[in-house]
Structure formats: structure tokens, C-alpha cells
Amino acid sequence: MEPFAYAVSGGWASGISAYATVLVIGVAGRTGLADTPEVLQRTDVLVVMALFTAIEFVADKIPYADSLWDTVHTVVRPIVATVLGWVFVTDGSSAEQFAVAGVAGGVALLSHTGKAGIRLAINTSPEPASNVAVSTAEDAVLLGVLLLATQYPWLAAGTALAVLVVMLATVIMIARRARRGRRVPRPL
């Protein structure tokens, strides 16, 4: 059952940053911190993921550039999570591989939706510090959840689900407030 825990935590993390997720999982396997698939530990994979993680790290801190990056990655993040889910179930049946891959991809899409929605709202803020603060917090929580998953996969999955619920509730709240704001007549 641990592949499902990895699917939830890895899927959530992939929805935030697919490249950082693959990088952290690969490095954790390479250093012996976790038993991860060897394909993720290859030097060429780690170098490419480190490069894309660095680009994303910078783009994620710039208002509106982050939303453009998120738009492009609406497709990329769930696909990476799905592939990660598939790769993590090498010993299981095809049905288990499909289930874990589906969970990982679905959670990644929800996580990405939460991230992109919150970031879009933050971009309307007049000061750039909130964008940098939220991006840095996302990076820290992502690293924490993935490192937690190396030793306590179910705890990491529960943490990822709790953060996901908060993210989606925040997006719903923002959307409701935005709709209410449009309905209120403005004084002349």
C-alpha cells in the first residue's frame, strides 16, 4: 500500500513543481536516503531536473511570469506525476500501476489547480513581496513533504492531502469573493 502514499505525496509535490519533485526523489535515492527507482537517480536526469528546477525557482518568484509558467505546466505536471506513479510500482500488477499512476496524476492536477489559482490572485496584489513569500513557502513545504515521504510515507501523504485541502479551499474562497465583487454595483 505504500505506493499509494507515495502517489499522494509525490503527486501533490509534482503539482507544485514537477522538476523539483523528480530532483529531490532522485537525489534521495542516490544518497541512500530512500529506495527510489534507478532511472530517477541517473546523472543525466538529475542534471536536467536541476536545470529546470533552477529556471522554475526564478520564474516562480516573478509576478505574472509565474502564472505563464503555470499555464504551460498545466499539462506537464500531471503527466510527470503519472509517470512517477507508474515507475514506483515496478513489482505490482498492471492494475496497481494504473491505479497508483492515476492517483498521482489526479492529485497533481488538483495541486496544480490550487497553486495556479492562488498565484493568479496574488499577482493582483500591488507589491511583489507576497509572490516571493508564497513561492518560498511552497518550495519549503514541497521539500519537507518529500523528505518526510522517505521515512514516513503515510504521514507525508496525510500532510500533502491537508495542504491540498487548504489550497483548494483558498481558491474557492477567492473565486467566491471575486464573483461577489463583480455583482456589487459601484457608486457613481
C-alpha atoms as a PDB file:
ATOM      1  CA  MET A   1       0.000   0.000   0.000  1.00  0.00           C
ATOM      2  CA  GLU A   2       2.958   2.393   0.303  1.00  0.00           C
ATOM      3  CA  PRO A   3       2.951   3.143  -3.436  1.00  0.00           C
ATOM      4  CA  PHE A   4      -0.391   4.884  -2.856  1.00  0.00           C
ATOM      5  CA  ALA A   5       1.169   7.026  -0.128  1.00  0.00           C
ATOM      6  CA  TYR A   6       3.993   7.926  -2.493  1.00  0.00           C
ATOM      7  CA  ALA A   7       1.447   8.654  -5.210  1.00  0.00           C
ATOM      8  CA  VAL A   8      -0.346  11.166  -2.987  1.00  0.00           C
ATOM      9  CA  SER A   9       2.736  12.960  -1.663  1.00  0.00           C
ATOM     10  CA  GLY A  10       4.623  12.794  -4.968  1.00  0.00           C
ATOM     11  CA  GLY A  11       1.530  13.775  -6.924  1.00  0.00           C
ATOM     12  CA  TRP A  12       0.909  16.761  -4.670  1.00  0.00           C
ATOM     13  CA  ALA A  13       4.563  17.824  -4.926  1.00  0.00           C
ATOM     14  CA  SER A  14       4.556  17.396  -8.711  1.00  0.00           C
ATOM     15  CA  GLY A  15       1.583  19.728  -8.921  1.00  0.00           C
ATOM     16  CA  ILE A  16       3.717  22.371  -7.220  1.00  0.00           C
ATOM     17  CA  SER A  17       6.984  21.664  -9.083  1.00  0.00           C
ATOM     18  CA  ALA A  18       7.408  18.520 -11.148  1.00  0.00           C
ATOM     19  CA  TYR A  19      11.091  19.160 -11.766  1.00  0.00           C
ATOM     20  CA  ALA A  20      11.944  19.724  -8.110  1.00  0.00           C
ATOM     21  CA  THR A  21       9.988  16.604  -7.204  1.00  0.00           C
ATOM     22  CA  VAL A  22      11.946  14.406  -9.602  1.00  0.00           C
ATOM     23  CA  LEU A  23      15.200  16.053  -8.460  1.00  0.00           C
ATOM     24  CA  VAL A  24      14.538  15.522  -4.745  1.00  0.00           C
ATOM     25  CA  ILE A  25      13.374  11.931  -5.262  1.00  0.00           C
ATOM     26  CA  GLY A  26      16.394  11.181  -7.445  1.00  0.00           C
ATOM     27  CA  VAL A  27      18.872  12.726  -5.006  1.00  0.00           C
ATOM     28  CA  ALA A  28      17.208  10.913  -2.092  1.00  0.00           C
ATOM     29  CA  GLY A  29      17.710   7.633  -3.911  1.00  0.00           C
ATOM     30  CA  ARG A  30      21.245   8.434  -4.972  1.00  0.00           C
ATOM     31  CA  THR A  31      22.310   9.330  -1.439  1.00  0.00           C
ATOM     32  CA  GLY A  32      20.680   6.242   0.050  1.00  0.00           C
ATOM     33  CA  LEU A  33      18.032   8.215   1.926  1.00  0.00           C
ATOM     34  CA  ALA A  34      15.266   6.385   0.082  1.00  0.00           C
ATOM     35  CA  ASP A  35      14.798   3.405  -2.188  1.00  0.00           C
ATOM     36  CA  THR A  36      13.792   5.114  -5.420  1.00  0.00           C
ATOM     37  CA  PRO A  37      13.749   3.822  -8.995  1.00  0.00           C
ATOM     38  CA  GLU A  38      17.200   3.874 -10.578  1.00  0.00           C
ATOM     39  CA  VAL A  39      16.014   5.798 -13.625  1.00  0.00           C
ATOM     40  CA  LEU A  40      15.410   8.818 -11.363  1.00  0.00           C
ATOM     41  CA  GLN A  41      18.936   8.575  -9.939  1.00  0.00           C
ATOM     42  CA  ARG A  42      20.744   8.800 -13.276  1.00  0.00           C
ATOM     43  CA  THR A  43      23.182  11.695 -13.611  1.00  0.00           C
ATOM     44  CA  ASP A  44      21.649  12.992 -16.847  1.00  0.00           C
ATOM     45  CA  VAL A  45      18.170  13.021 -15.280  1.00  0.00           C
ATOM     46  CA  LEU A  46      19.439  14.830 -12.175  1.00  0.00           C
ATOM     47  CA  VAL A  47      21.322  17.456 -14.221  1.00  0.00           C
ATOM     48  CA  VAL A  48      18.313  18.227 -16.433  1.00  0.00           C
ATOM     49  CA  MET A  49      15.974  18.344 -13.438  1.00  0.00           C
ATOM     50  CA  ALA A  50      18.380  20.640 -11.558  1.00  0.00           C
ATOM     51  CA  LEU A  51      18.494  22.993 -14.554  1.00  0.00           C
ATOM     52  CA  PHE A  52      14.703  23.126 -14.905  1.00  0.00           C
ATOM     53  CA  THR A  53      14.285  23.459 -11.143  1.00  0.00           C
ATOM     54  CA  ALA A  54      16.602  26.480 -11.157  1.00  0.00           C
ATOM     55  CA  ILE A  55      14.681  28.089 -14.025  1.00  0.00           C
ATOM     56  CA  GLU A  56      11.367  27.411 -12.298  1.00  0.00           C
ATOM     57  CA  PHE A  57      12.717  28.716  -8.980  1.00  0.00           C
ATOM     58  CA  VAL A  58      13.422  32.094 -10.589  1.00  0.00           C
ATOM     59  CA  ALA A  59      10.292  32.221 -12.779  1.00  0.00           C
ATOM     60  CA  ASP A  60       8.129  31.339  -9.791  1.00  0.00           C
ATOM     61  CA  LYS A  61       9.241  34.441  -7.917  1.00  0.00           C
ATOM     62  CA  ILE A  62       8.331  36.921 -10.685  1.00  0.00           C
ATOM     63  CA  PRO A  63       4.708  38.121 -10.785  1.00  0.00           C
ATOM     64  CA  TYR A  64       2.883  37.113 -13.970  1.00  0.00           C
ATOM     65  CA  ALA A  65       5.892  35.082 -15.177  1.00  0.00           C
ATOM     66  CA  ASP A  66       4.823  32.505 -12.589  1.00  0.00           C
ATOM     67  CA  SER A  67       1.293  32.401 -13.996  1.00  0.00           C
ATOM     68  CA  LEU A  68       2.630  31.998 -17.538  1.00  0.00           C
ATOM     69  CA  TRP A  69       4.894  29.185 -16.303  1.00  0.00           C
ATOM     70  CA  ASP A  70       1.927  27.575 -14.514  1.00  0.00           C
ATOM     71  CA  THR A  71      -0.190  27.770 -17.663  1.00  0.00           C
ATOM     72  CA  VAL A  72       2.422  25.897 -19.681  1.00  0.00           C
ATOM     73  CA  HIS A  73       2.833  23.338 -16.909  1.00  0.00           C
ATOM     74  CA  THR A  74      -0.872  22.557 -16.575  1.00  0.00           C
ATOM     75  CA  VAL A  75      -0.172  19.608 -18.837  1.00  0.00           C
ATOM     76  CA  VAL A  76       3.421  18.852 -17.786  1.00  0.00           C
ATOM     77  CA  ARG A  77       2.931  18.478 -14.025  1.00  0.00           C
ATOM     78  CA  PRO A  78       0.146  15.842 -14.063  1.00  0.00           C
ATOM     79  CA  ILE A  79       1.975  13.875 -16.766  1.00  0.00           C
ATOM     80  CA  VAL A  80       5.210  13.830 -14.746  1.00  0.00           C
ATOM     81  CA  ALA A  81       3.267  12.754 -11.642  1.00  0.00           C
ATOM     82  CA  THR A  82       1.533   9.986 -13.596  1.00  0.00           C
ATOM     83  CA  VAL A  83       4.861   8.684 -14.908  1.00  0.00           C
ATOM     84  CA  LEU A  84       6.360   8.836 -11.389  1.00  0.00           C
ATOM     85  CA  GLY A  85       3.396   6.862 -10.052  1.00  0.00           C
ATOM     86  CA  TRP A  86       3.861   4.262 -12.778  1.00  0.00           C
ATOM     87  CA  VAL A  87       7.628   3.989 -12.176  1.00  0.00           C
ATOM     88  CA  PHE A  88       7.194   3.495  -8.429  1.00  0.00           C
ATOM     89  CA  VAL A  89       5.125   0.321  -8.923  1.00  0.00           C
ATOM     90  CA  THR A  90       7.570  -1.942 -10.695  1.00  0.00           C
ATOM     91  CA  ASP A  91       6.703  -5.053  -8.678  1.00  0.00           C
ATOM     92  CA  GLY A  92       2.928  -4.680  -8.763  1.00  0.00           C
ATOM     93  CA  SER A  93       0.286  -5.749 -11.209  1.00  0.00           C
ATOM     94  CA  SER A  94      -0.794  -3.643 -14.164  1.00  0.00           C
ATOM     95  CA  ALA A  95      -3.970  -2.737 -12.300  1.00  0.00           C
ATOM     96  CA  GLU A  96      -1.933  -1.446  -9.364  1.00  0.00           C
ATOM     97  CA  GLN A  97       0.329   0.522 -11.715  1.00  0.00           C
ATOM     98  CA  PHE A  98      -2.677   2.158 -13.384  1.00  0.00           C
ATOM     99  CA  ALA A  99      -4.282   2.939 -10.023  1.00  0.00           C
ATOM    100  CA  VAL A 100      -1.157   4.473  -8.497  1.00  0.00           C
ATOM    101  CA  ALA A 101      -0.378   6.413 -11.675  1.00  0.00           C
ATOM    102  CA  GLY A 102      -3.965   7.677 -11.816  1.00  0.00           C
ATOM    103  CA  VAL A 103      -3.916   8.783  -8.180  1.00  0.00           C
ATOM    104  CA  ALA A 104      -0.585  10.574  -8.660  1.00  0.00           C
ATOM    105  CA  GLY A 105      -1.754  12.360 -11.816  1.00  0.00           C
ATOM    106  CA  GLY A 106      -5.109  13.327 -10.314  1.00  0.00           C
ATOM    107  CA  VAL A 107      -3.584  14.686  -7.123  1.00  0.00           C
ATOM    108  CA  ALA A 108      -1.014  16.599  -9.200  1.00  0.00           C
ATOM    109  CA  LEU A 109      -3.759  18.212 -11.277  1.00  0.00           C
ATOM    110  CA  LEU A 110      -5.636  19.276  -8.141  1.00  0.00           C
ATOM    111  CA  SER A 111      -2.445  20.561  -6.531  1.00  0.00           C
ATOM    112  CA  HIS A 112      -1.506  22.456  -9.674  1.00  0.00           C
ATOM    113  CA  THR A 113      -5.002  23.965  -9.847  1.00  0.00           C
ATOM    114  CA  GLY A 114      -4.678  25.171  -6.257  1.00  0.00           C
ATOM    115  CA  LYS A 115      -1.223  26.619  -6.830  1.00  0.00           C
ATOM    116  CA  ALA A 116      -2.122  28.349 -10.085  1.00  0.00           C
ATOM    117  CA  GLY A 117      -5.350  29.791  -8.646  1.00  0.00           C
ATOM    118  CA  ILE A 118      -3.667  31.186  -5.558  1.00  0.00           C
ATOM    119  CA  ARG A 119      -0.789  32.606  -7.597  1.00  0.00           C
ATOM    120  CA  LEU A 120      -3.168  34.292 -10.032  1.00  0.00           C
ATOM    121  CA  ALA A 121      -4.867  36.033  -7.102  1.00  0.00           C
ATOM    122  CA  ILE A 122      -1.537  37.018  -5.552  1.00  0.00           C
ATOM    123  CA  ASN A 123      -0.397  38.548  -8.833  1.00  0.00           C
ATOM    124  CA  THR A 124      -3.130  41.163  -8.454  1.00  0.00           C
ATOM    125  CA  SER A 125      -1.502  42.309  -5.232  1.00  0.00           C
ATOM    126  CA  PRO A 126       0.275  45.639  -5.649  1.00  0.00           C
ATOM    127  CA  GLU A 127       3.538  44.540  -4.019  1.00  0.00           C
ATOM    128  CA  PRO A 128       5.881  41.749  -5.182  1.00  0.00           C
ATOM    129  CA  ALA A 129       6.913  40.519  -1.718  1.00  0.00           C
ATOM    130  CA  SER A 130       3.818  38.342  -1.309  1.00  0.00           C
ATOM    131  CA  ASN A 131       4.659  36.466  -4.513  1.00  0.00           C
ATOM    132  CA  VAL A 132       8.188  35.718  -3.321  1.00  0.00           C
ATOM    133  CA  ALA A 133       6.956  34.727   0.156  1.00  0.00           C
ATOM    134  CA  VAL A 134       4.314  32.322  -1.159  1.00  0.00           C
ATOM    135  CA  SER A 135       6.728  30.800  -3.669  1.00  0.00           C
ATOM    136  CA  THR A 136       9.375  30.283  -0.988  1.00  0.00           C
ATOM    137  CA  ALA A 137       6.793  28.709   1.329  1.00  0.00           C
ATOM    138  CA  GLU A 138       5.714  26.339  -1.465  1.00  0.00           C
ATOM    139  CA  ASP A 139       9.341  25.329  -2.022  1.00  0.00           C
ATOM    140  CA  ALA A 140       9.886  24.677   1.687  1.00  0.00           C
ATOM    141  CA  VAL A 141       6.696  22.631   2.125  1.00  0.00           C
ATOM    142  CA  LEU A 142       7.447  20.643  -1.046  1.00  0.00           C
ATOM    143  CA  LEU A 143      10.913  19.739   0.230  1.00  0.00           C
ATOM    144  CA  GLY A 144       9.527  18.909   3.683  1.00  0.00           C
ATOM    145  CA  VAL A 145       6.781  16.634   2.355  1.00  0.00           C
ATOM    146  CA  LEU A 146       9.151  14.790   0.020  1.00  0.00           C
ATOM    147  CA  LEU A 147      11.783  14.289   2.724  1.00  0.00           C
ATOM    148  CA  LEU A 148       9.078  13.142   5.130  1.00  0.00           C
ATOM    149  CA  ALA A 149       7.919  10.642   2.498  1.00  0.00           C
ATOM    150  CA  THR A 150      11.336   8.968   2.508  1.00  0.00           C
ATOM    151  CA  GLN A 151      10.833   7.792   6.102  1.00  0.00           C
ATOM    152  CA  TYR A 152       7.099   8.140   6.825  1.00  0.00           C
ATOM    153  CA  PRO A 153       5.174   7.821   3.548  1.00  0.00           C
ATOM    154  CA  TRP A 154       1.689   7.790   5.093  1.00  0.00           C
ATOM    155  CA  LEU A 155       2.404  10.818   7.272  1.00  0.00           C
ATOM    156  CA  ALA A 156       3.704  12.641   4.189  1.00  0.00           C
ATOM    157  CA  ALA A 157       0.577  11.649   2.256  1.00  0.00           C
ATOM    158  CA  GLY A 158      -1.658  12.943   5.051  1.00  0.00           C
ATOM    159  CA  THR A 159       0.298  16.190   5.204  1.00  0.00           C
ATOM    160  CA  ALA A 160       0.069  16.600   1.429  1.00  0.00           C
ATOM    161  CA  LEU A 161      -3.691  15.991   1.499  1.00  0.00           C
ATOM    162  CA  ALA A 162      -4.165  18.508   4.319  1.00  0.00           C
ATOM    163  CA  VAL A 163      -2.193  21.150   2.433  1.00  0.00           C
ATOM    164  CA  LEU A 164      -4.138  20.321  -0.732  1.00  0.00           C
ATOM    165  CA  VAL A 165      -7.460  20.836   1.060  1.00  0.00           C
ATOM    166  CA  VAL A 166      -6.272  24.230   2.363  1.00  0.00           C
ATOM    167  CA  MET A 167      -5.088  25.226  -1.124  1.00  0.00           C
ATOM    168  CA  LEU A 168      -8.359  24.274  -2.807  1.00  0.00           C
ATOM    169  CA  ALA A 169     -10.454  25.912  -0.062  1.00  0.00           C
ATOM    170  CA  THR A 170      -8.428  29.101  -0.555  1.00  0.00           C
ATOM    171  CA  VAL A 171      -9.037  29.050  -4.307  1.00  0.00           C
ATOM    172  CA  ILE A 172     -12.776  28.536  -3.762  1.00  0.00           C
ATOM    173  CA  MET A 173     -12.875  31.402  -1.257  1.00  0.00           C
ATOM    174  CA  ILE A 174     -11.012  33.705  -3.652  1.00  0.00           C
ATOM    175  CA  ALA A 175     -13.324  32.781  -6.519  1.00  0.00           C
ATOM    176  CA  ARG A 176     -16.439  33.451  -4.428  1.00  0.00           C
ATOM    177  CA  ARG A 177     -15.121  36.832  -3.312  1.00  0.00           C
ATOM    178  CA  ALA A 178     -14.248  37.755  -6.871  1.00  0.00           C
ATOM    179  CA  ARG A 179     -17.773  36.861  -8.037  1.00  0.00           C
ATOM    180  CA  ARG A 180     -19.340  38.868  -5.217  1.00  0.00           C
ATOM    181  CA  GLY A 181     -17.136  41.819  -6.086  1.00  0.00           C
ATOM    182  CA  ARG A 182     -18.448  41.869  -9.648  1.00  0.00           C
ATOM    183  CA  ARG A 183     -22.085  41.827  -8.565  1.00  0.00           C
ATOM    184  CA  VAL A 184     -21.834  44.803  -6.232  1.00  0.00           C
ATOM    185  CA  PRO A 185     -22.848  47.983  -8.057  1.00  0.00           C
ATOM    186  CA  ARG A 186     -20.210  50.674  -7.933  1.00  0.00           C
ATOM    187  CA  PRO A 187     -21.127  54.164  -6.749  1.00  0.00           C
ATOM    188  CA  LEU A 188     -21.250  56.860  -9.394  1.00  0.00           C
END
